């Protein structure tokens, strides 16, 4: 995770429902870990990952996920492309806009 971002708020959990990605995830102690669905859990001698997990680094969807985590997502993107932290930020912004419009309408009605 980039500095200042937690796995729980930054990872795009919703994409798994959309695309059925070829990896699974787990978060333990704030550390996000990805495993290929075909993970053998036995890396070759001298390697720290099995071939299937190592192949994830070439997956273009995963590269897009990592880019979204690092650089953010456009606010008009589909909701599945936002992490929980991004969704909370959007809702806070929209709530502020709604409250501002309500106050403006209240003020306008008082002037009449």
Protein backbone atom coordinates (compact mmCIF):
# COMPACT_ATOMS: atom_id res chain seq x y z
CA UNK A 1 0.00 0.00 0.00
CA UNK A 2 1.17 3.52 -0.68
CA UNK A 3 2.11 5.53 2.42
CA UNK A 4 -0.89 6.82 4.34
CA UNK A 5 -3.33 4.28 2.88
CA UNK A 6 -4.62 1.20 4.61
CA UNK A 7 -5.51 -2.04 2.88
CA UNK A 8 -9.03 -1.86 4.26
CA UNK A 9 -9.78 1.55 2.78
CA UNK A 10 -7.73 1.48 -0.43
CA UNK A 11 -8.22 -2.00 -1.95
CA UNK A 12 -10.95 -2.31 -4.58
CA UNK A 13 -12.89 -5.18 -3.04
CA UNK A 14 -15.91 -4.56 -5.29
CA UNK A 15 -14.01 -5.54 -8.43
CA UNK A 16 -14.06 -9.19 -7.39
CA UNK A 17 -17.83 -9.21 -7.79
CA UNK A 18 -17.57 -7.48 -11.17
CA UNK A 19 -14.79 -9.49 -12.79
CA UNK A 20 -14.17 -12.63 -10.75
CA UNK A 21 -10.46 -11.89 -10.64
CA UNK A 22 -8.00 -14.81 -10.72
CA UNK A 23 -6.67 -14.04 -7.27
CA UNK A 24 -7.87 -14.07 -3.70
CA UNK A 25 -6.93 -11.59 -1.01
CA UNK A 26 -6.45 -11.56 2.71
CA UNK A 27 -5.69 -8.81 5.17
CA UNK A 28 -3.88 -9.64 8.39
CA UNK A 29 -2.19 -7.11 10.63
CA UNK A 30 -2.93 -4.38 8.10
CA UNK A 31 -0.97 -6.26 5.42
CA UNK A 32 -2.80 -7.04 2.17
CA UNK A 33 -1.74 -10.32 0.57
CA UNK A 34 -2.81 -11.56 -2.84
CA UNK A 35 -2.66 -15.21 -3.90
CA UNK A 36 -3.39 -16.73 -7.29
CA UNK A 37 -6.43 -18.97 -7.21
CA UNK A 38 -4.19 -21.78 -8.43
CA UNK A 39 -1.54 -21.11 -5.77
CA UNK A 40 0.42 -24.25 -4.93
CA UNK A 41 1.83 -22.74 -1.74
CA UNK A 42 5.15 -24.37 -2.63
CA UNK A 43 7.59 -22.03 -4.33
CA UNK A 44 10.44 -23.43 -6.36
CA UNK A 45 13.79 -23.56 -4.60
CA UNK A 46 15.30 -20.08 -4.38
CA UNK A 47 11.99 -18.31 -5.02
CA UNK A 48 9.62 -16.72 -2.54
CA UNK A 49 6.41 -17.33 -4.58
CA UNK A 50 4.96 -20.18 -6.59
CA UNK A 51 4.80 -19.76 -10.37
CA UNK A 52 1.06 -18.95 -10.33
CA UNK A 53 1.45 -16.18 -7.75
CA UNK A 54 4.53 -14.87 -9.54
CA UNK A 55 2.46 -14.67 -12.74
CA UNK A 56 0.06 -12.21 -11.12
CA UNK A 57 2.64 -9.46 -11.65
CA UNK A 58 1.90 -9.71 -15.40
CA UNK A 59 -1.90 -9.52 -14.97
CA UNK A 60 -3.15 -6.29 -16.56
CA UNK A 61 -6.25 -6.15 -14.36
CA UNK A 62 -4.11 -6.33 -11.25
CA UNK A 63 -1.83 -3.63 -12.64
CA UNK A 64 -4.92 -1.43 -13.11
CA UNK A 65 -6.01 -2.13 -9.53
CA UNK A 66 -2.59 -1.12 -8.24
CA UNK A 67 -2.68 2.07 -10.34
CA UNK A 68 -6.12 2.94 -8.93
CA UNK A 69 -4.87 2.38 -5.39
CA UNK A 70 -1.79 4.53 -5.91
CA UNK A 71 -3.18 7.35 -8.05
CA UNK A 72 -6.87 7.31 -7.14
CA UNK A 73 -10.03 6.83 -9.14
CA UNK A 74 -12.02 9.45 -11.00
CA UNK A 75 -15.10 10.29 -8.94
CA UNK A 76 -17.41 9.47 -11.87
CA UNK A 77 -16.05 5.93 -12.20
CA UNK A 78 -18.38 3.07 -11.40
CA UNK A 79 -18.62 2.43 -7.66
CA UNK A 80 -16.89 -0.97 -7.89
CA UNK A 81 -13.69 0.85 -8.91
CA UNK A 82 -13.58 2.76 -5.63
CA UNK A 83 -12.11 1.48 -2.41
CA UNK A 84 -14.08 1.88 0.80
CA UNK A 85 -12.07 4.98 1.69
CA UNK A 86 -12.91 6.55 -1.67
CA UNK A 87 -16.60 5.77 -1.23
CA UNK A 88 -16.62 7.36 2.23
CA UNK A 89 -14.91 10.45 0.83
CA UNK A 90 -17.49 10.71 -1.98
CA UNK A 91 -20.41 10.32 0.44
CA UNK A 92 -19.02 13.01 2.75
CA UNK A 93 -18.64 15.38 -0.20
CA UNK A 94 -22.15 14.67 -1.48
CA UNK A 95 -23.62 15.04 2.02
CA UNK A 96 -21.97 18.45 2.28
CA UNK A 97 -23.41 19.43 -1.09
CA UNK A 98 -26.90 18.29 -0.09
CA UNK A 99 -26.71 20.17 3.22
CA UNK A 100 -25.54 23.28 1.41
CA UNK A 101 -28.44 23.06 -1.05
CA UNK A 102 -30.91 22.53 1.79
CA UNK A 103 -29.58 25.60 3.61
CA UNK A 104 -29.74 27.63 0.41
CA UNK A 105 -33.36 26.56 -0.17
CA UNK A 106 -34.22 27.39 3.46
CA UNK A 107 -32.63 30.83 3.11
CA UNK A 108 -34.42 31.43 -0.17
CA UNK A 109 -37.79 30.52 1.38
CA UNK A 110 -37.13 32.87 4.35
CA UNK A 111 -36.49 35.82 2.03
CA UNK A 112 -39.95 35.56 0.42
